[in-house]
N, C-alpha and C. Protein backbone atom coordinates (compact mmCIF):
# COMPACT_ATOMS: atom_id res chain seq x y z
N MET A 1 -86.58 -52.65 95.98
CA MET A 1 -87.79 -52.76 95.14
C MET A 1 -87.44 -53.65 93.94
N GLY A 2 -88.49 -54.33 93.45
CA GLY A 2 -88.26 -55.30 92.32
C GLY A 2 -88.52 -54.69 90.94
N GLU A 3 -89.06 -55.57 90.11
CA GLU A 3 -89.24 -55.18 88.75
C GLU A 3 -90.22 -54.00 88.58
N LEU A 4 -90.09 -53.27 87.46
CA LEU A 4 -91.01 -52.28 87.09
C LEU A 4 -91.65 -52.61 85.75
N LYS A 5 -92.96 -52.51 85.64
CA LYS A 5 -93.62 -52.76 84.39
C LYS A 5 -94.01 -51.44 83.83
N HIS A 6 -93.92 -51.37 82.45
CA HIS A 6 -94.26 -50.18 81.62
C HIS A 6 -95.30 -50.64 80.70
N LEU A 7 -96.56 -50.38 80.96
CA LEU A 7 -97.72 -50.81 80.07
C LEU A 7 -98.14 -49.65 79.16
N VAL A 8 -98.28 -49.90 77.88
CA VAL A 8 -98.65 -48.87 76.93
C VAL A 8 -99.80 -49.37 76.13
N LEU A 9 -100.99 -48.70 76.14
CA LEU A 9 -102.11 -49.02 75.28
C LEU A 9 -102.22 -47.96 74.23
N VAL A 10 -102.42 -48.32 73.00
CA VAL A 10 -102.53 -47.34 71.95
C VAL A 10 -103.62 -47.64 70.91
N GLN A 11 -104.03 -46.59 70.32
CA GLN A 11 -104.85 -46.65 69.10
C GLN A 11 -104.03 -45.89 68.05
N PHE A 12 -103.72 -46.64 66.91
CA PHE A 12 -102.90 -45.91 65.96
C PHE A 12 -103.79 -45.04 65.03
N LYS A 13 -103.20 -43.98 64.40
CA LYS A 13 -103.92 -43.17 63.53
C LYS A 13 -104.29 -43.98 62.27
N GLU A 14 -105.35 -43.53 61.63
CA GLU A 14 -105.72 -44.22 60.37
C GLU A 14 -104.62 -44.03 59.33
N GLY A 15 -104.34 -45.10 58.60
CA GLY A 15 -103.33 -45.02 57.59
C GLY A 15 -101.92 -45.41 58.05
N VAL A 16 -101.70 -45.53 59.36
CA VAL A 16 -100.40 -45.90 59.83
C VAL A 16 -100.13 -47.42 59.50
N VAL A 17 -98.88 -47.62 58.98
CA VAL A 17 -98.48 -48.97 58.74
C VAL A 17 -97.96 -49.59 59.98
N VAL A 18 -98.85 -50.26 60.73
CA VAL A 18 -98.58 -50.76 62.04
C VAL A 18 -97.40 -51.70 62.12
N GLU A 19 -97.26 -52.49 61.07
CA GLU A 19 -96.17 -53.48 61.00
C GLU A 19 -94.78 -52.74 61.05
N GLU A 20 -94.68 -51.62 60.44
CA GLU A 20 -93.44 -50.87 60.46
C GLU A 20 -93.14 -50.34 61.84
N ILE A 21 -94.18 -49.87 62.53
CA ILE A 21 -94.03 -49.41 63.95
C ILE A 21 -93.57 -50.54 64.83
N LEU A 22 -94.21 -51.71 64.62
CA LEU A 22 -93.84 -52.86 65.47
C LEU A 22 -92.43 -53.25 65.19
N LYS A 23 -91.96 -53.26 63.94
CA LYS A 23 -90.58 -53.57 63.64
C LYS A 23 -89.69 -52.59 64.32
N GLY A 24 -90.00 -51.31 64.26
CA GLY A 24 -89.13 -50.30 64.93
C GLY A 24 -89.12 -50.50 66.39
N MET A 25 -90.21 -50.84 66.97
CA MET A 25 -90.27 -51.10 68.44
C MET A 25 -89.40 -52.25 68.81
N GLU A 26 -89.50 -53.30 68.06
CA GLU A 26 -88.64 -54.52 68.34
C GLU A 26 -87.19 -54.19 68.19
N LYS A 27 -86.87 -53.46 67.20
CA LYS A 27 -85.45 -53.04 67.00
C LYS A 27 -84.93 -52.20 68.19
N MET A 28 -85.82 -51.24 68.60
CA MET A 28 -85.39 -50.41 69.76
C MET A 28 -85.17 -51.24 71.02
N ALA A 29 -86.15 -52.13 71.29
CA ALA A 29 -86.06 -52.96 72.45
C ALA A 29 -84.87 -53.84 72.49
N SER A 30 -84.43 -54.33 71.33
CA SER A 30 -83.35 -55.24 71.21
C SER A 30 -82.00 -54.50 71.34
N GLU A 31 -82.06 -53.17 71.12
CA GLU A 31 -80.79 -52.35 71.22
C GLU A 31 -80.53 -51.88 72.69
N ILE A 32 -81.49 -52.05 73.49
CA ILE A 32 -81.36 -51.50 74.87
C ILE A 32 -81.35 -52.67 75.87
N ASP A 33 -80.20 -52.88 76.45
CA ASP A 33 -80.00 -54.07 77.36
C ASP A 33 -80.85 -53.87 78.66
N LEU A 34 -81.29 -52.68 78.97
CA LEU A 34 -82.03 -52.45 80.17
C LEU A 34 -83.44 -53.06 80.11
N VAL A 35 -83.94 -53.34 78.90
CA VAL A 35 -85.19 -54.01 78.68
C VAL A 35 -85.09 -55.48 79.05
N LYS A 36 -85.71 -55.86 80.12
CA LYS A 36 -85.63 -57.24 80.57
C LYS A 36 -86.60 -58.22 79.76
N GLY A 37 -87.74 -57.57 79.42
CA GLY A 37 -88.75 -58.31 78.65
C GLY A 37 -89.64 -57.37 77.87
N HIS A 38 -90.20 -57.81 76.78
CA HIS A 38 -91.01 -56.95 75.92
C HIS A 38 -92.12 -57.87 75.31
N ASP A 39 -93.38 -57.50 75.49
CA ASP A 39 -94.49 -58.20 74.95
C ASP A 39 -95.37 -57.27 74.14
N THR A 40 -95.89 -57.83 73.14
CA THR A 40 -96.77 -57.03 72.25
C THR A 40 -98.08 -57.82 71.99
N GLY A 41 -99.21 -57.14 71.99
CA GLY A 41 -100.45 -57.85 71.65
C GLY A 41 -101.43 -56.93 70.93
N SER A 42 -102.38 -57.48 70.23
CA SER A 42 -103.40 -56.75 69.47
C SER A 42 -104.68 -57.49 69.49
N VAL A 43 -105.70 -56.75 69.84
CA VAL A 43 -107.09 -57.24 69.69
C VAL A 43 -107.83 -56.12 69.10
N GLU A 44 -108.61 -56.38 68.09
CA GLU A 44 -109.38 -55.28 67.43
C GLU A 44 -110.40 -54.79 68.44
N MET A 45 -110.31 -53.51 68.63
CA MET A 45 -111.25 -52.76 69.48
C MET A 45 -111.27 -53.31 70.91
N LEU A 46 -110.17 -53.25 71.58
CA LEU A 46 -110.18 -53.68 73.01
C LEU A 46 -111.29 -52.96 73.79
N ARG A 47 -110.95 -51.84 74.33
CA ARG A 47 -111.86 -50.93 75.02
C ARG A 47 -111.53 -49.50 74.72
N GLN A 48 -112.57 -48.75 74.56
CA GLN A 48 -112.33 -47.30 74.36
C GLN A 48 -111.45 -47.02 73.08
N GLY A 49 -111.44 -47.90 72.09
CA GLY A 49 -110.76 -47.75 70.84
C GLY A 49 -109.35 -48.26 70.84
N PHE A 50 -108.76 -48.63 71.97
CA PHE A 50 -107.37 -49.11 72.02
C PHE A 50 -107.32 -50.45 71.25
N THR A 51 -106.21 -50.61 70.41
CA THR A 51 -106.12 -51.76 69.62
C THR A 51 -104.75 -52.56 69.93
N HIS A 52 -103.82 -51.92 70.50
CA HIS A 52 -102.53 -52.55 70.72
C HIS A 52 -102.03 -52.39 72.14
N VAL A 53 -101.42 -53.34 72.69
CA VAL A 53 -100.76 -53.26 74.00
C VAL A 53 -99.34 -53.62 73.96
N PHE A 54 -98.50 -52.87 74.66
CA PHE A 54 -97.04 -53.11 74.73
C PHE A 54 -96.73 -53.14 76.23
N MET A 55 -96.01 -54.15 76.63
CA MET A 55 -95.54 -54.33 77.98
C MET A 55 -94.00 -54.47 78.00
N PHE A 56 -93.34 -53.55 78.73
CA PHE A 56 -91.94 -53.69 78.92
C PHE A 56 -91.62 -53.97 80.35
N THR A 57 -90.62 -54.80 80.64
CA THR A 57 -90.29 -55.18 82.02
C THR A 57 -88.81 -54.68 82.23
N PHE A 58 -88.63 -54.04 83.36
CA PHE A 58 -87.32 -53.58 83.69
C PHE A 58 -86.98 -54.17 85.09
N GLN A 59 -85.67 -54.29 85.33
CA GLN A 59 -85.21 -54.81 86.59
C GLN A 59 -85.55 -53.93 87.75
N SER A 60 -85.55 -52.60 87.46
CA SER A 60 -85.81 -51.65 88.56
C SER A 60 -86.37 -50.34 87.96
N ALA A 61 -86.84 -49.46 88.82
CA ALA A 61 -87.31 -48.19 88.38
C ALA A 61 -86.13 -47.36 87.79
N GLU A 62 -84.95 -47.47 88.33
CA GLU A 62 -83.74 -46.82 87.89
C GLU A 62 -83.46 -47.19 86.42
N ASP A 63 -83.58 -48.53 86.12
CA ASP A 63 -83.37 -48.99 84.72
C ASP A 63 -84.37 -48.32 83.80
N PHE A 64 -85.66 -48.19 84.26
CA PHE A 64 -86.64 -47.53 83.42
C PHE A 64 -86.33 -46.10 83.13
N VAL A 65 -85.84 -45.37 84.16
CA VAL A 65 -85.41 -43.97 83.98
C VAL A 65 -84.31 -43.90 82.95
N SER A 66 -83.32 -44.76 83.05
CA SER A 66 -82.19 -44.82 82.07
C SER A 66 -82.73 -45.15 80.66
N PHE A 67 -83.61 -46.07 80.58
CA PHE A 67 -84.26 -46.49 79.28
C PHE A 67 -84.95 -45.24 78.71
N SER A 68 -85.64 -44.48 79.50
CA SER A 68 -86.37 -43.35 78.96
C SER A 68 -85.47 -42.32 78.30
N GLY A 69 -84.27 -42.19 78.78
CA GLY A 69 -83.30 -41.24 78.12
C GLY A 69 -82.38 -41.82 77.09
N HIS A 70 -82.46 -43.19 76.92
CA HIS A 70 -81.54 -43.82 75.97
C HIS A 70 -81.80 -43.33 74.55
N PRO A 71 -80.74 -43.03 73.78
CA PRO A 71 -80.89 -42.50 72.43
C PRO A 71 -81.81 -43.31 71.53
N SER A 72 -81.77 -44.62 71.61
CA SER A 72 -82.66 -45.46 70.78
C SER A 72 -84.08 -45.24 71.13
N HIS A 73 -84.34 -45.08 72.42
CA HIS A 73 -85.76 -44.89 72.84
C HIS A 73 -86.23 -43.46 72.47
N VAL A 74 -85.35 -42.51 72.66
CA VAL A 74 -85.76 -41.15 72.34
C VAL A 74 -86.02 -41.00 70.80
N GLY A 75 -85.15 -41.64 70.03
CA GLY A 75 -85.25 -41.60 68.52
C GLY A 75 -86.62 -42.29 68.11
N PHE A 76 -86.85 -43.42 68.68
CA PHE A 76 -88.09 -44.19 68.26
C PHE A 76 -89.36 -43.51 68.77
N SER A 77 -89.28 -42.87 69.91
CA SER A 77 -90.47 -42.23 70.51
C SER A 77 -91.09 -41.15 69.62
N ALA A 78 -90.24 -40.46 68.86
CA ALA A 78 -90.74 -39.44 67.97
C ALA A 78 -91.65 -40.03 66.90
N THR A 79 -91.13 -41.16 66.27
CA THR A 79 -91.89 -41.84 65.29
C THR A 79 -93.16 -42.41 65.88
N PHE A 80 -93.02 -43.01 67.04
CA PHE A 80 -94.15 -43.69 67.72
C PHE A 80 -95.22 -42.66 68.02
N ALA A 81 -94.86 -41.55 68.61
CA ALA A 81 -95.79 -40.47 69.02
C ALA A 81 -96.57 -39.93 67.78
N ALA A 82 -95.88 -39.84 66.64
CA ALA A 82 -96.56 -39.31 65.47
C ALA A 82 -97.58 -40.23 64.89
N SER A 83 -97.49 -41.54 65.28
CA SER A 83 -98.39 -42.54 64.70
C SER A 83 -99.58 -42.74 65.55
N ILE A 84 -99.67 -42.16 66.74
CA ILE A 84 -100.70 -42.49 67.77
C ILE A 84 -101.83 -41.53 67.72
N GLU A 85 -103.08 -42.10 67.71
CA GLU A 85 -104.29 -41.35 67.87
C GLU A 85 -104.60 -41.14 69.32
N LYS A 86 -104.42 -42.20 70.06
CA LYS A 86 -104.75 -42.22 71.49
C LYS A 86 -103.78 -43.13 72.25
N ILE A 87 -103.40 -42.75 73.51
CA ILE A 87 -102.46 -43.54 74.29
C ILE A 87 -102.83 -43.45 75.74
N LEU A 88 -102.52 -44.62 76.40
CA LEU A 88 -102.56 -44.69 77.86
C LEU A 88 -101.37 -45.40 78.34
N VAL A 89 -100.63 -44.81 79.27
CA VAL A 89 -99.45 -45.38 79.77
C VAL A 89 -99.57 -45.59 81.31
N PHE A 90 -99.13 -46.75 81.77
CA PHE A 90 -99.22 -47.08 83.18
C PHE A 90 -97.97 -47.76 83.60
N ASP A 91 -97.25 -47.19 84.55
CA ASP A 91 -95.99 -47.80 85.08
C ASP A 91 -96.27 -48.20 86.51
N TYR A 92 -95.78 -49.40 86.83
CA TYR A 92 -96.07 -49.85 88.21
C TYR A 92 -95.03 -50.95 88.65
N PRO A 93 -94.71 -50.98 89.90
CA PRO A 93 -93.84 -51.97 90.45
C PRO A 93 -94.59 -53.38 90.43
N ALA A 94 -93.93 -54.38 89.87
CA ALA A 94 -94.50 -55.70 89.76
C ALA A 94 -94.55 -56.33 91.11
N VAL A 95 -95.69 -56.91 91.48
CA VAL A 95 -95.78 -57.70 92.68
C VAL A 95 -96.26 -59.13 92.28
N LEU A 96 -95.36 -60.08 92.60
CA LEU A 96 -95.67 -61.49 92.21
C LEU A 96 -96.71 -61.98 93.14
N VAL A 97 -97.87 -62.36 92.64
CA VAL A 97 -98.96 -62.89 93.42
C VAL A 97 -98.89 -64.40 93.63
N LYS A 98 -98.54 -65.05 92.47
CA LYS A 98 -98.36 -66.49 92.53
C LYS A 98 -97.12 -66.86 91.81
N PRO A 99 -96.24 -67.55 92.46
CA PRO A 99 -94.94 -67.91 91.82
C PRO A 99 -95.19 -68.96 90.79
N PRO A 100 -94.36 -68.93 89.74
CA PRO A 100 -94.47 -69.97 88.67
C PRO A 100 -94.24 -71.36 89.29
N PRO A 101 -94.87 -72.43 88.61
CA PRO A 101 -94.70 -73.77 89.12
C PRO A 101 -93.27 -74.26 89.02
């Protein structure tokens, strides 16, 4: 099996300093070698109130499981969870439809 994508959509609670959360997420991702890639985006009022998207790429499902239990992830997750009004998480095996040029 190939890469695994971990997609997270969130709406932060009112009053949360989003920049601090983003810095914490970047720090966490940089501390964990299992994270192959990490993207962040924001569009005001995407759909259903979600405002931010986070995409993590892992080499395998096993790497994602190891990431989930990593101390840096566990520590950051408590802060992240406390800042969230609404969340949607979707994990899926990546299927390359069109190879890069």
